[in-house]
Protein backbone atom coordinates (compact mmCIF):
# COMPACT_ATOMS: atom_id res chain seq x y z
CA MET A 1 83.30 83.27 215.66
CA ARG A 2 83.20 85.07 218.99
CA GLY A 3 84.56 88.24 217.41
CA ALA A 4 81.65 88.35 214.99
CA MET A 5 79.14 88.17 217.84
CA VAL A 6 80.50 90.88 220.11
CA GLY A 7 78.08 93.79 220.19
CA ASN A 8 75.19 91.87 218.63
CA ASP A 9 71.91 90.88 220.22
CA VAL A 10 70.70 88.13 217.88
CA VAL A 11 72.10 85.34 215.73
CA ILE A 12 70.14 84.06 212.75
CA LEU A 13 71.35 80.61 211.74
CA ALA A 14 70.34 79.37 208.29
CA LEU A 15 72.47 76.49 207.05
CA GLY A 16 72.10 74.26 204.03
CA ILE A 17 73.90 71.58 202.10
CA PRO A 18 73.85 71.02 198.35
CA ALA A 19 71.52 68.37 197.01
CA GLY A 20 73.43 65.42 195.61
CA PRO A 21 74.88 62.01 196.35
CA GLN A 22 76.74 63.16 199.47
CA MET A 23 73.47 64.30 201.07
CA VAL A 24 71.91 60.88 200.42
CA LEU A 25 74.88 58.55 200.93
CA GLY A 26 77.45 60.28 203.09
CA PRO A 27 77.54 61.38 206.67
CA VAL A 28 76.05 64.81 207.38
CA HIS A 29 77.37 66.76 210.38
CA LEU A 30 77.28 70.38 209.22
CA PHE A 31 74.10 71.33 211.08
CA SER A 32 75.10 69.93 214.48
CA ASP A 33 78.79 70.86 214.25
CA ALA A 34 78.09 74.48 213.26
CA THR A 35 75.32 74.83 215.85
CA ARG A 36 77.62 73.66 218.65
CA VAL A 37 80.16 76.31 217.65
CA VAL A 38 77.51 79.03 217.41
CA VAL A 39 75.82 78.16 220.72
CA ASP A 40 79.17 78.04 222.54
CA ALA A 41 80.20 81.40 221.07
CA MET A 42 76.84 82.91 222.03
CA ARG A 43 77.28 81.75 225.62
CA GLU A 44 80.79 83.18 225.77
CA THR A 45 79.75 86.56 224.37
CA GLY A 46 76.40 86.92 226.12
CA VAL A 47 74.27 86.92 222.98
CA ARG A 48 70.91 85.53 224.13
CA ARG A 49 68.64 85.16 221.09
CA LEU A 50 69.07 82.48 218.42
CA ILE A 51 66.73 82.20 215.45
CA CYS A 52 67.37 79.03 213.50
CA VAL A 53 65.83 77.41 210.45
CA THR A 54 65.73 73.62 210.20
CA GLY A 55 62.82 72.16 208.21
CA TYR A 56 59.51 70.37 208.26
CA GLY A 57 60.39 66.81 209.21
CA ALA A 58 63.01 67.76 211.79
CA GLY A 59 62.51 66.86 215.42
CA ASP A 60 59.00 66.03 216.51
CA SER A 61 57.48 67.32 213.26
CA ARG A 62 58.62 64.10 211.55
CA SER A 63 55.72 62.26 213.17
CA SER A 64 53.26 64.37 211.15
CA ILE A 65 54.63 63.07 207.82
CA GLY A 66 52.43 60.38 206.27
CA CYS A 67 53.73 56.80 205.99
CA LEU A 68 54.29 56.79 202.22
CA GLN A 69 55.88 60.23 202.23
CA ARG A 70 58.09 59.19 205.13
CA ILE A 71 59.68 56.40 203.06
CA VAL A 72 60.80 58.87 200.38
CA PHE A 73 61.73 61.46 203.00
CA GLU A 74 63.98 59.02 204.86
CA ALA A 75 65.60 57.73 201.66
CA VAL A 76 66.44 61.17 200.29
CA LEU A 77 66.70 63.46 203.31
CA GLY A 78 67.18 61.04 206.19
CA ARG A 79 70.86 61.70 206.88
CA ALA A 80 70.53 65.47 206.69
CA TYR A 81 67.45 65.48 208.88
CA ALA A 82 69.02 63.15 211.42
CA ASP A 83 71.68 65.85 211.83
CA LYS A 84 69.00 68.55 211.99
CA ASP A 85 67.45 66.54 214.84
CA VAL A 86 70.78 66.82 216.70
CA GLN A 87 70.94 70.52 215.82
CA GLU A 88 67.50 71.10 217.31
CA ARG A 89 68.40 69.14 220.43
CA ILE A 90 71.53 71.30 220.95
CA ILE A 91 69.41 74.44 220.69
CA ARG A 92 66.60 73.16 222.92
CA GLU A 93 69.06 72.09 225.63
CA SER A 94 70.78 75.47 225.63
CA ASP A 95 69.81 78.28 227.98
CA LEU A 96 69.36 80.64 225.02
CA ASP A 97 66.19 82.41 223.95
CA TRP A 98 65.52 80.55 220.73
CA VAL A 99 63.07 80.13 217.87
CA ILE A 100 63.35 77.19 215.48
CA ALA A 101 61.54 77.75 212.19
CA ARG A 102 60.58 74.65 210.22
CA PRO A 103 59.69 75.62 206.67
CA GLY A 104 58.08 73.25 204.22
CA ILE A 105 59.52 72.77 200.73
CA LEU A 106 61.58 75.84 199.83
CA THR A 107 61.06 77.65 196.55
CA ASN A 108 62.71 80.63 194.90
CA ALA A 109 59.36 82.35 194.36
CA PRO A 110 59.02 86.02 195.25
CA LYS A 111 58.06 87.04 198.77
CA THR A 112 54.31 86.97 199.33
CA GLY A 113 54.07 87.99 202.97
CA ARG A 114 51.11 85.59 203.11
CA TYR A 115 52.30 82.47 204.85
CA LYS A 116 50.97 80.32 207.66
CA VAL A 117 52.84 79.85 210.92
CA LEU A 118 51.62 76.56 212.39
CA ARG A 119 52.52 76.41 216.06
CA ASP A 120 50.22 73.58 217.15
CA ALA A 121 51.48 70.11 216.23
CA SER A 122 47.98 69.03 215.22
CA ALA A 123 48.07 71.60 212.40
CA TRP A 124 51.55 70.76 211.08
CA ARG A 125 51.68 69.88 207.40
CA ASN A 126 54.05 70.11 204.51
CA GLY A 127 53.71 72.67 201.76
CA LEU A 128 55.62 75.08 199.62
CA ILE A 129 57.12 78.31 200.91
CA ALA A 130 59.32 80.94 199.33
CA ARG A 131 62.76 81.33 200.86
CA SER A 132 62.08 85.06 201.05
CA ASP A 133 58.98 84.41 203.17
CA VAL A 134 61.03 82.23 205.52
CA ALA A 135 63.53 85.09 205.78
CA ASP A 136 60.66 87.49 206.50
CA PHE A 137 59.46 85.28 209.35
CA MET A 138 62.94 84.92 210.80
CA VAL A 139 63.70 88.64 210.73
CA GLY A 140 60.33 89.23 212.39
CA GLN A 141 61.50 87.10 215.33
CA VAL A 142 64.41 89.41 216.13
CA ASP A 143 62.28 91.50 218.47
CA SER A 144 59.19 89.35 218.94
CA ASP A 145 58.53 86.80 221.66
CA ALA A 146 55.51 85.32 219.85
CA TYR A 147 57.36 82.07 219.04
CA LEU A 148 60.03 82.12 221.74
CA ARG A 149 61.11 78.53 222.54
CA ALA A 150 58.73 77.24 219.87
CA THR A 151 59.22 75.24 216.67
CA PRO A 152 56.54 76.43 214.25
CA VAL A 153 56.11 74.95 210.78
CA ILE A 154 55.90 77.61 208.08
CA VAL A 155 54.06 77.08 204.77
CA GLN A 156 52.13 79.11 202.19
């Protein structure tokens, strides 16, 4: 891992797990385990900027999910998002320059370039967003400090 980081300035971390019974029933540790390895390697190699994607419902954004939606969310995505909570905590507690993007429901639609970046918790909401628009946002954070140490929700 360290060898891949030498000479780089930024790490973009975008992890996912396949939908299925394991996501609902089994333990999920990919997000936190991989993030620990990445953060440690970044510290050792001096890479300062981490841009990570988690999801709407991770961390403190979970409180903005309505009661009925939260029941379904917890039943289907609870284990994965519990691990994303740990992932976010690892990042927040690091001394890195980080951005955590929290997209809504991902689609395979084409890039629109017209998406909303909701920084203020009072504006957080769920919604659809194309994976390519999430990628556009993340790449835009490589040399921007607009969302440094922030956890914006991203939706169409």
